[in-house]
Amino acid sequence: MLSCVRRAMYVAALALPWSFAAVQPAHAGLGGTPITPPADASVSSRTVQPAGGAQGVMRSASGAASSSSASASYTVRETTFGNGTLVREYLAADGSVFGIAWRGPQMPDLNDLLGGYFPQYVAGVKSVRAARGGGHGPVTVDQSGLVVHSGGHMGSFSGQAWLPPALPAGVSGSDIQ
């Protein structure tokens, strides 16, 4: 009887990771396609035309007039999660995410938001914390290919992340809000 129980637990332990993999949705995040919002989220978007730098002119996604500016327009996709957290994804003309910002009562899943850049972010956080002797609190990872600012406290989190080489003409990191 005991060996049957052990065998059942062993089989369940082997199957458990595969069952999670089968039900978890695929996310791309920063540098890829926008995240897949959960069922309880609301999503909206707008097109932005940078006006020579940090300030952009907002235009609706449905009726944007064309402009003969050297700056490329981009789309800001806002997702409000059921818990009240707002995530803004900044999309280049080709649909790739070049920047992300978040704020709200709960920290979003940075693994989903940062996608393939998450390991680079984790390594950067470890390096920053080691340099300042450990601890918690706000953190900035500032590398040539990835910038992430993240901070807050229980009930109020915020942050931004962007890919400096992927920023469209006329857009700077300060536009990711």
N, C-alpha and C. Protein backbone atom coordinates (compact mmCIF):
# COMPACT_ATOMS: atom_id res chain seq x y z
N MET A 1 0.81 -1.18 0.00
CA MET A 1 0.00 0.00 0.00
C MET A 1 0.87 1.27 0.00
N LEU A 2 1.91 1.27 0.84
CA LEU A 2 2.79 2.43 0.93
C LEU A 2 3.51 2.68 -0.38
N SER A 3 3.94 1.62 -1.09
CA SER A 3 4.64 1.83 -2.35
C SER A 3 3.70 2.40 -3.41
N CYS A 4 2.42 2.05 -3.37
CA CYS A 4 1.46 2.63 -4.32
C CYS A 4 1.30 4.13 -4.08
N VAL A 5 1.28 4.54 -2.82
CA VAL A 5 1.17 5.95 -2.48
C VAL A 5 2.41 6.69 -2.94
N ARG A 6 3.58 6.14 -2.69
CA ARG A 6 4.83 6.76 -3.14
C ARG A 6 4.87 6.89 -4.65
N ARG A 7 4.46 5.85 -5.34
CA ARG A 7 4.48 5.87 -6.80
C ARG A 7 3.52 6.95 -7.31
N ALA A 8 2.35 7.06 -6.72
CA ALA A 8 1.38 8.07 -7.13
C ALA A 8 1.93 9.48 -6.89
N MET A 9 2.61 9.69 -5.76
CA MET A 9 3.20 10.99 -5.47
C MET A 9 4.32 11.30 -6.45
N TYR A 10 5.11 10.31 -6.80
CA TYR A 10 6.20 10.47 -7.75
C TYR A 10 5.65 10.86 -9.12
N VAL A 11 4.62 10.17 -9.57
CA VAL A 11 4.02 10.46 -10.87
C VAL A 11 3.41 11.86 -10.86
N ALA A 12 2.75 12.21 -9.76
CA ALA A 12 2.16 13.54 -9.66
C ALA A 12 3.24 14.62 -9.67
N ALA A 13 4.35 14.37 -8.99
CA ALA A 13 5.44 15.35 -8.95
C ALA A 13 6.04 15.55 -10.34
N LEU A 14 6.14 14.48 -11.12
CA LEU A 14 6.66 14.60 -12.47
C LEU A 14 5.68 15.32 -13.39
N ALA A 15 4.41 15.10 -13.20
CA ALA A 15 3.40 15.67 -14.08
C ALA A 15 3.09 17.13 -13.76
N LEU A 16 3.28 17.56 -12.53
CA LEU A 16 2.90 18.90 -12.10
C LEU A 16 3.52 20.01 -12.94
N PRO A 17 4.84 20.01 -13.17
CA PRO A 17 5.40 21.09 -13.98
C PRO A 17 4.83 21.12 -15.40
N TRP A 18 4.56 19.98 -15.96
CA TRP A 18 4.01 19.93 -17.31
C TRP A 18 2.58 20.45 -17.34
N SER A 19 1.82 20.21 -16.28
CA SER A 19 0.44 20.71 -16.26
C SER A 19 0.43 22.23 -16.18
N PHE A 20 1.36 22.84 -15.43
CA PHE A 20 1.43 24.29 -15.38
C PHE A 20 1.85 24.85 -16.73
N ALA A 21 2.78 24.21 -17.38
CA ALA A 21 3.24 24.68 -18.68
C ALA A 21 2.11 24.65 -19.71
N ALA A 22 1.21 23.71 -19.58
CA ALA A 22 0.13 23.58 -20.54
C ALA A 22 -0.92 24.68 -20.40
N VAL A 23 -1.10 25.23 -19.20
CA VAL A 23 -2.16 26.21 -19.00
C VAL A 23 -1.65 27.65 -18.94
N GLN A 24 -0.36 27.87 -18.87
CA GLN A 24 0.15 29.22 -18.78
C GLN A 24 0.17 29.87 -20.16
N PRO A 25 -0.39 31.09 -20.29
CA PRO A 25 -0.38 31.74 -21.59
C PRO A 25 1.03 32.22 -21.95
N ALA A 26 1.30 32.33 -23.22
CA ALA A 26 2.60 32.82 -23.68
C ALA A 26 2.58 34.35 -23.66
N HIS A 27 3.65 34.96 -23.19
CA HIS A 27 3.78 36.41 -23.14
C HIS A 27 5.08 36.79 -23.83
N ALA A 28 5.07 37.92 -24.49
CA ALA A 28 6.30 38.39 -25.12
C ALA A 28 6.89 39.55 -24.33
N GLY A 29 6.15 40.62 -24.17
CA GLY A 29 6.64 41.75 -23.38
C GLY A 29 7.65 42.60 -24.12
N LEU A 30 8.52 43.25 -23.34
CA LEU A 30 9.49 44.20 -23.86
C LEU A 30 10.33 43.58 -24.97
N GLY A 31 10.42 44.28 -26.09
CA GLY A 31 11.19 43.80 -27.23
C GLY A 31 10.41 42.87 -28.14
N GLY A 32 9.22 42.48 -27.73
CA GLY A 32 8.39 41.57 -28.53
C GLY A 32 7.01 42.16 -28.75
N THR A 33 6.03 41.29 -28.73
CA THR A 33 4.65 41.71 -28.91
C THR A 33 4.04 42.10 -27.56
N PRO A 34 2.93 42.84 -27.57
CA PRO A 34 2.29 43.21 -26.30
C PRO A 34 1.86 41.97 -25.51
N ILE A 35 1.75 42.16 -24.19
CA ILE A 35 1.33 41.06 -23.33
C ILE A 35 -0.12 40.70 -23.62
N THR A 36 -0.49 39.49 -23.30
CA THR A 36 -1.87 39.05 -23.41
C THR A 36 -2.57 39.41 -22.11
N PRO A 37 -3.58 40.29 -22.16
CA PRO A 37 -4.22 40.70 -20.91
C PRO A 37 -5.12 39.59 -20.36
N PRO A 38 -5.24 39.52 -19.04
CA PRO A 38 -6.16 38.54 -18.46
C PRO A 38 -7.61 38.94 -18.75
N ALA A 39 -8.53 38.04 -18.51
CA ALA A 39 -9.94 38.27 -18.83
C ALA A 39 -10.53 39.45 -18.07
N ASP A 40 -10.03 39.73 -16.86
CA ASP A 40 -10.61 40.81 -16.04
C ASP A 40 -9.98 42.18 -16.32
N ALA A 41 -9.18 42.30 -17.37
CA ALA A 41 -8.50 43.56 -17.67
C ALA A 41 -9.25 44.34 -18.75
N SER A 42 -9.08 45.66 -18.72
CA SER A 42 -9.61 46.49 -19.79
C SER A 42 -8.42 47.07 -20.56
N VAL A 43 -8.56 47.18 -21.87
CA VAL A 43 -7.46 47.61 -22.73
C VAL A 43 -7.93 48.75 -23.63
N SER A 44 -7.10 49.78 -23.76
CA SER A 44 -7.35 50.87 -24.69
C SER A 44 -6.02 51.25 -25.33
N SER A 45 -6.09 51.99 -26.43
CA SER A 45 -4.84 52.42 -27.06
C SER A 45 -5.06 53.77 -27.72
N ARG A 46 -3.93 54.45 -27.94
CA ARG A 46 -3.95 55.74 -28.62
C ARG A 46 -2.63 55.86 -29.40
N THR A 47 -2.67 56.66 -30.44
CA THR A 47 -1.48 56.91 -31.24
C THR A 47 -0.88 58.23 -30.82
N VAL A 48 0.44 58.27 -30.72
CA VAL A 48 1.15 59.48 -30.32
C VAL A 48 2.12 59.86 -31.43
N GLN A 49 2.12 61.15 -31.77
CA GLN A 49 3.06 61.68 -32.74
C GLN A 49 4.01 62.60 -32.01
N PRO A 50 5.29 62.18 -31.79
CA PRO A 50 6.23 63.06 -31.10
C PRO A 50 6.39 64.38 -31.86
N ALA A 51 6.46 65.46 -31.11
CA ALA A 51 6.65 66.78 -31.72
C ALA A 51 8.04 67.28 -31.40
N GLY A 52 9.03 66.70 -32.03
CA GLY A 52 10.41 67.15 -31.86
C GLY A 52 11.02 66.77 -30.54
N GLY A 53 10.55 65.72 -29.90
CA GLY A 53 11.20 65.30 -28.66
C GLY A 53 10.24 64.82 -27.61
N ALA A 54 10.39 65.34 -26.39
CA ALA A 54 9.71 64.78 -25.23
C ALA A 54 8.21 64.96 -25.26
N GLN A 55 7.68 66.03 -25.84
CA GLN A 55 6.24 66.23 -25.84
C GLN A 55 5.65 65.69 -27.13
N GLY A 56 4.59 64.96 -27.03
CA GLY A 56 3.92 64.40 -28.19
C GLY A 56 2.51 64.92 -28.30
N VAL A 57 1.96 64.84 -29.48
CA VAL A 57 0.58 65.23 -29.70
C VAL A 57 -0.25 63.96 -29.71
N MET A 58 -1.25 63.89 -28.85
CA MET A 58 -2.09 62.72 -28.78
C MET A 58 -3.08 62.73 -29.94
N ARG A 59 -3.24 61.59 -30.54
CA ARG A 59 -4.22 61.45 -31.60
C ARG A 59 -4.95 60.14 -31.36
N SER A 60 -6.23 60.12 -31.66
CA SER A 60 -6.99 58.90 -31.44
C SER A 60 -6.56 57.84 -32.43
N ALA A 61 -6.65 56.59 -32.01
CA ALA A 61 -6.25 55.48 -32.87
C ALA A 61 -7.17 55.37 -34.08
N SER A 62 -8.41 55.85 -33.97
CA SER A 62 -9.36 55.69 -35.06
C SER A 62 -9.29 56.79 -36.11
N GLY A 63 -8.88 58.00 -35.74
CA GLY A 63 -8.92 59.08 -36.71
C GLY A 63 -7.68 59.94 -36.71
N ALA A 64 -6.52 59.36 -36.73
CA ALA A 64 -5.29 60.14 -36.69
C ALA A 64 -5.02 60.77 -38.04
N ALA A 65 -4.79 62.06 -38.04
CA ALA A 65 -4.40 62.75 -39.26
C ALA A 65 -2.91 62.53 -39.47
N SER A 66 -2.50 62.43 -40.72
CA SER A 66 -1.09 62.19 -40.96
C SER A 66 -0.30 63.48 -40.82
N SER A 67 0.95 63.33 -40.50
CA SER A 67 1.82 64.48 -40.30
C SER A 67 3.10 64.25 -41.08
N SER A 68 3.72 65.31 -41.54
CA SER A 68 4.95 65.16 -42.30
C SER A 68 6.16 65.42 -41.41
N SER A 69 6.13 64.92 -40.20
CA SER A 69 7.23 65.09 -39.25
C SER A 69 8.26 63.98 -39.43
N ALA A 70 9.50 64.26 -39.08
CA ALA A 70 10.55 63.25 -39.16
C ALA A 70 10.42 62.24 -38.03
N SER A 71 9.67 62.59 -36.98
CA SER A 71 9.48 61.68 -35.86
C SER A 71 8.40 60.66 -36.20
N ALA A 72 8.65 59.41 -35.86
CA ALA A 72 7.70 58.34 -36.15
C ALA A 72 6.65 58.26 -35.05
N SER A 73 5.40 58.04 -35.45
CA SER A 73 4.35 57.88 -34.46
C SER A 73 4.49 56.50 -33.81
N TYR A 74 3.91 56.40 -32.63
CA TYR A 74 3.90 55.13 -31.92
C TYR A 74 2.57 54.99 -31.20
N THR A 75 2.29 53.81 -30.73
CA THR A 75 1.03 53.53 -30.05
C THR A 75 1.28 53.27 -28.58
N VAL A 76 0.42 53.83 -27.73
CA VAL A 76 0.47 53.55 -26.30
C VAL A 76 -0.76 52.68 -26.00
N ARG A 77 -0.51 51.49 -25.53
CA ARG A 77 -1.57 50.54 -25.19
C ARG A 77 -1.67 50.47 -23.68
N GLU A 78 -2.83 50.82 -23.13
CA GLU A 78 -3.03 50.83 -21.68
C GLU A 78 -3.89 49.64 -21.27
N THR A 79 -3.39 48.87 -20.32
CA THR A 79 -4.13 47.74 -19.78
C THR A 79 -4.33 47.99 -18.29
N THR A 80 -5.58 48.01 -17.87
CA THR A 80 -5.89 48.14 -16.45
C THR A 80 -6.34 46.77 -15.96
N PHE A 81 -5.57 46.22 -15.05
CA PHE A 81 -5.86 44.90 -14.50
C PHE A 81 -6.98 45.00 -13.47
N GLY A 82 -7.61 43.88 -13.18
CA GLY A 82 -8.70 43.84 -12.22
C GLY A 82 -8.31 44.35 -10.84
N ASN A 83 -7.03 44.26 -10.50
CA ASN A 83 -6.57 44.72 -9.18
C ASN A 83 -6.29 46.23 -9.15
N GLY A 84 -6.49 46.92 -10.29
CA GLY A 84 -6.28 48.36 -10.35
C GLY A 84 -4.94 48.79 -10.89
N THR A 85 -4.04 47.86 -11.13
CA THR A 85 -2.72 48.21 -11.67
C THR A 85 -2.84 48.55 -13.16
N LEU A 86 -2.23 49.66 -13.54
CA LEU A 86 -2.24 50.12 -14.93
C LEU A 86 -0.87 49.84 -15.54
N VAL A 87 -0.86 49.23 -16.72
CA VAL A 87 0.38 48.98 -17.46
C VAL A 87 0.24 49.65 -18.82
N ARG A 88 1.22 50.48 -19.16
CA ARG A 88 1.27 51.10 -20.48
C ARG A 88 2.39 50.46 -21.28
N GLU A 89 2.05 50.01 -22.47
CA GLU A 89 3.05 49.45 -23.39
C GLU A 89 3.20 50.42 -24.55
N TYR A 90 4.43 50.72 -24.89
CA TYR A 90 4.74 51.65 -25.97
C TYR A 90 5.18 50.83 -27.17
N LEU A 91 4.39 50.93 -28.26
CA LEU A 91 4.60 50.07 -29.43
C LEU A 91 5.11 50.88 -30.61
N ALA A 92 6.17 50.38 -31.22
CA ALA A 92 6.72 50.98 -32.44
C ALA A 92 5.76 50.69 -33.60
N ALA A 93 6.02 51.29 -34.74
CA ALA A 93 5.17 51.11 -35.92
C ALA A 93 5.07 49.63 -36.32
N ASP A 94 6.11 48.84 -36.06
CA ASP A 94 6.07 47.42 -36.42
C ASP A 94 5.36 46.56 -35.37
N GLY A 95 4.85 47.18 -34.30
CA GLY A 95 4.11 46.45 -33.27
C GLY A 95 4.97 45.94 -32.12
N SER A 96 6.28 46.15 -32.17
CA SER A 96 7.14 45.67 -31.09
C SER A 96 7.12 46.66 -29.92
N VAL A 97 7.24 46.12 -28.72
CA VAL A 97 7.19 46.92 -27.49
C VAL A 97 8.59 47.48 -27.20
N PHE A 98 8.72 48.82 -27.22
CA PHE A 98 10.01 49.43 -26.91
C PHE A 98 10.06 50.02 -25.51
N GLY A 99 8.90 50.15 -24.86
CA GLY A 99 8.87 50.69 -23.51
C GLY A 99 7.64 50.24 -22.76
N ILE A 100 7.73 50.22 -21.43
CA ILE A 100 6.63 49.80 -20.57
C ILE A 100 6.67 50.68 -19.32
N ALA A 101 5.50 51.06 -18.84
CA ALA A 101 5.39 51.77 -17.56
C ALA A 101 4.25 51.14 -16.77
N TRP A 102 4.36 51.18 -15.45
CA TRP A 102 3.31 50.62 -14.60
C TRP A 102 3.16 51.44 -13.34
N ARG A 103 1.94 51.39 -12.80
CA ARG A 103 1.67 52.00 -11.50
C ARG A 103 0.40 51.38 -10.97
N GLY A 104 0.36 51.22 -9.65
CA GLY A 104 -0.84 50.67 -9.06
C GLY A 104 -0.60 50.03 -7.72
N PRO A 105 -1.65 49.45 -7.16
CA PRO A 105 -1.58 48.88 -5.82
C PRO A 105 -0.79 47.58 -5.74
N GLN A 106 -0.63 46.89 -6.86
CA GLN A 106 0.15 45.65 -6.87
C GLN A 106 1.20 45.71 -7.96
N MET A 107 2.33 45.12 -7.66
CA MET A 107 3.43 45.05 -8.64
C MET A 107 3.03 44.08 -9.74
N PRO A 108 3.14 44.49 -11.02
CA PRO A 108 2.84 43.54 -12.09
C PRO A 108 3.94 42.48 -12.17
N ASP A 109 3.69 41.42 -12.88
CA ASP A 109 4.66 40.36 -13.07
C ASP A 109 5.73 40.84 -14.04
N LEU A 110 6.89 41.24 -13.51
CA LEU A 110 7.95 41.78 -14.36
C LEU A 110 8.51 40.72 -15.31
N ASN A 111 8.41 39.48 -14.97
CA ASN A 111 8.83 38.42 -15.88
C ASN A 111 8.01 38.49 -17.17
N ASP A 112 6.69 38.70 -17.03
CA ASP A 112 5.83 38.85 -18.20
C ASP A 112 6.13 40.15 -18.94
N LEU A 113 6.25 41.24 -18.21
CA LEU A 113 6.43 42.55 -18.85
C LEU A 113 7.77 42.68 -19.55
N LEU A 114 8.83 42.18 -18.91
CA LEU A 114 10.17 42.35 -19.48
C LEU A 114 10.53 41.25 -20.47
N GLY A 115 9.76 40.18 -20.48
CA GLY A 115 9.98 39.10 -21.45
C GLY A 115 11.41 38.58 -21.41
N GLY A 116 12.04 38.53 -22.56
CA GLY A 116 13.40 38.01 -22.68
C GLY A 116 14.45 38.87 -21.98
N TYR A 117 14.09 40.07 -21.57
CA TYR A 117 15.03 40.96 -20.86
C TYR A 117 14.99 40.74 -19.35
N PHE A 118 14.08 39.90 -18.87
CA PHE A 118 13.96 39.69 -17.44
C PHE A 118 15.26 39.17 -16.81
N PRO A 119 15.95 38.17 -17.39
CA PRO A 119 17.22 37.72 -16.78
C PRO A 119 18.26 38.84 -16.70
N GLN A 120 18.32 39.70 -17.69
CA GLN A 120 19.26 40.84 -17.67
C GLN A 120 18.88 41.79 -16.55
N TYR A 121 17.58 42.02 -16.35
CA TYR A 121 17.11 42.88 -15.27
C TYR A 121 17.48 42.29 -13.90
N VAL A 122 17.23 41.00 -13.72
CA VAL A 122 17.55 40.34 -12.44
C VAL A 122 19.04 40.45 -12.14
N ALA A 123 19.87 40.22 -13.14
CA ALA A 123 21.32 40.35 -12.95
C ALA A 123 21.70 41.79 -12.59
N GLY A 124 21.04 42.76 -13.23
CA GLY A 124 21.31 44.16 -12.92
C GLY A 124 20.90 44.53 -11.51
N VAL A 125 19.75 44.01 -11.05
CA VAL A 125 19.28 44.27 -9.69
C VAL A 125 20.27 43.68 -8.68
N LYS A 126 20.73 42.46 -8.93
CA LYS A 126 21.70 41.83 -8.02
C LYS A 126 22.97 42.68 -7.94
N SER A 127 23.42 43.17 -9.07
CA SER A 127 24.63 43.99 -9.12
C SER A 127 24.44 45.30 -8.35
N VAL A 128 23.29 45.96 -8.56
CA VAL A 128 23.01 47.23 -7.87
C VAL A 128 22.93 47.00 -6.36
N ARG A 129 22.23 45.95 -5.95
CA ARG A 129 22.08 45.69 -4.51
C ARG A 129 23.40 45.27 -3.88
N ALA A 130 24.22 44.54 -4.61
CA ALA A 130 25.53 44.16 -4.07
C ALA A 130 26.41 45.40 -3.89
N ALA A 131 26.32 46.33 -4.83
CA ALA A 131 27.13 47.55 -4.76
C ALA A 131 26.72 48.45 -3.59
N ARG A 132 25.45 48.42 -3.23
CA ARG A 132 25.01 49.26 -2.12
C ARG A 132 24.83 48.49 -0.82
N GLY A 133 25.33 47.28 -0.79
CA GLY A 133 25.32 46.49 0.44
C GLY A 133 24.01 45.81 0.75
N GLY A 134 23.26 45.43 -0.29
CA GLY A 134 22.00 44.71 -0.08
C GLY A 134 20.83 45.64 0.11
N GLY A 135 19.83 45.14 0.79
CA GLY A 135 18.65 45.94 1.08
C GLY A 135 17.57 45.84 0.05
N HIS A 136 16.53 46.60 0.32
CA HIS A 136 15.37 46.67 -0.56
C HIS A 136 15.23 48.10 -1.04
N GLY A 137 14.11 48.41 -1.61
CA GLY A 137 13.85 49.77 -2.03
C GLY A 137 13.93 49.93 -3.53
N PRO A 138 13.80 51.17 -3.99
CA PRO A 138 13.80 51.43 -5.42
C PRO A 138 15.10 50.97 -6.06
N VAL A 139 14.99 50.57 -7.31
CA VAL A 139 16.18 50.10 -8.01
C VAL A 139 16.17 50.65 -9.43
N THR A 140 17.36 50.97 -9.92
CA THR A 140 17.53 51.41 -11.30
C THR A 140 18.60 50.54 -11.94
N VAL A 141 18.21 49.93 -13.04
CA VAL A 141 19.15 49.19 -13.88
C VAL A 141 19.31 50.04 -15.13
N ASP A 142 20.51 50.55 -15.36
CA ASP A 142 20.75 51.45 -16.48
C ASP A 142 21.92 50.90 -17.30
N GLN A 143 21.58 50.21 -18.36
CA GLN A 143 22.57 49.61 -19.25
C GLN A 143 22.33 50.14 -20.66
N SER A 144 23.26 49.94 -21.55
CA SER A 144 23.11 50.49 -22.89
C SER A 144 21.91 49.92 -23.63
N GLY A 145 21.55 48.68 -23.36
CA GLY A 145 20.44 48.06 -24.06
C GLY A 145 19.16 47.95 -23.27
N LEU A 146 19.18 48.30 -21.98
CA LEU A 146 18.01 48.15 -21.12
C LEU A 146 18.07 49.14 -19.97
N VAL A 147 16.97 49.85 -19.75
CA VAL A 147 16.84 50.74 -18.60
C VAL A 147 15.56 50.36 -17.88
N VAL A 148 15.66 50.16 -16.56
CA VAL A 148 14.48 49.84 -15.74
C VAL A 148 14.57 50.65 -14.45
N HIS A 149 13.49 51.35 -14.13
CA HIS A 149 13.33 52.05 -12.85
C HIS A 149 12.13 51.40 -12.18
N SER A 150 12.29 50.92 -10.97
CA SER A 150 11.19 50.27 -10.29
C SER A 150 11.23 50.59 -8.81
N GLY A 151 10.08 50.88 -8.24
CA GLY A 151 10.04 51.19 -6.82
C GLY A 151 8.62 51.24 -6.30
N GLY A 152 8.51 51.66 -5.07
CA GLY A 152 7.21 51.79 -4.44
C GLY A 152 7.16 51.05 -3.12
N HIS A 153 5.97 50.91 -2.63
CA HIS A 153 5.73 50.22 -1.37
C HIS A 153 4.36 49.57 -1.45
N MET A 154 4.02 48.76 -0.46
CA MET A 154 2.76 48.05 -0.48
C MET A 154 1.60 49.02 -0.75
N GLY A 155 0.85 48.74 -1.80
CA GLY A 155 -0.29 49.57 -2.17
C GLY A 155 0.01 50.65 -3.19
N SER A 156 1.29 50.85 -3.51
CA SER A 156 1.65 51.91 -4.47
C SER A 156 3.00 51.59 -5.13
N PHE A 157 2.93 50.93 -6.27
CA PHE A 157 4.14 50.57 -7.01
C PHE A 157 4.15 51.31 -8.34
N SER A 158 5.34 51.59 -8.85
CA SER A 158 5.46 52.22 -10.16
C SER A 158 6.82 51.88 -10.76
N GLY A 159 6.90 52.07 -12.06
CA GLY A 159 8.17 51.84 -12.72
C GLY A 159 8.07 52.06 -14.22
N GLN A 160 9.23 52.08 -14.83
CA GLN A 160 9.35 52.21 -16.27
C GLN A 160 10.48 51.32 -16.75
N ALA A 161 10.35 50.84 -17.96
CA ALA A 161 11.42 50.08 -18.60
C ALA A 161 11.40 50.42 -20.09
N TRP A 162 12.59 50.55 -20.67
CA TRP A 162 12.66 50.80 -22.10
C TRP A 162 13.96 50.28 -22.66
N LEU A 163 13.96 50.15 -23.97
CA LEU A 163 15.13 49.69 -24.73
C LEU A 163 15.69 50.89 -25.47
N PRO A 164 16.77 51.52 -24.98
CA PRO A 164 17.30 52.73 -25.62
C PRO A 164 17.53 52.59 -27.13
N PRO A 165 18.10 51.48 -27.62
CA PRO A 165 18.32 51.41 -29.08
C PRO A 165 17.02 51.31 -29.89
N ALA A 166 15.91 50.94 -29.25
CA ALA A 166 14.65 50.74 -29.96
C ALA A 166 13.73 51.96 -29.92
N LEU A 167 14.13 53.02 -29.18
CA LEU A 167 13.27 54.20 -29.10
C LEU A 167 13.12 54.84 -30.48
N PRO A 168 11.89 55.12 -30.90
CA PRO A 168 11.69 55.78 -32.19
C PRO A 168 12.26 57.20 -32.19
N ALA A 169 12.50 57.73 -33.35
CA ALA A 169 13.01 59.10 -33.49
C ALA A 169 12.07 60.07 -32.77
N GLY A 170 12.64 60.97 -31.99
CA GLY A 170 11.85 61.96 -31.28
C GLY A 170 11.33 61.49 -29.92
N VAL A 171 11.65 60.26 -29.52
CA VAL A 171 11.17 59.71 -28.26
C VAL A 171 12.37 59.47 -27.34
N SER A 172 12.23 59.85 -26.07
CA SER A 172 13.29 59.61 -25.09
C SER A 172 12.74 58.77 -23.95
N GLY A 173 13.60 58.33 -23.09
CA GLY A 173 13.19 57.53 -21.93
C GLY A 173 12.20 58.26 -21.04
N SER A 174 12.28 59.59 -21.00
CA SER A 174 11.36 60.36 -20.15
C SER A 174 9.93 60.32 -20.68
N ASP A 175 9.74 59.90 -21.93
CA ASP A 175 8.39 59.77 -22.49
C ASP A 175 7.69 58.50 -22.00
N ILE A 176 8.42 57.57 -21.45
CA ILE A 176 7.85 56.31 -20.96
C ILE A 176 7.34 56.57 -19.55
N GLN A 177 6.05 56.81 -19.41
CA GLN A 177 5.46 57.18 -18.11
C GLN A 177 4.20 56.39 -17.86
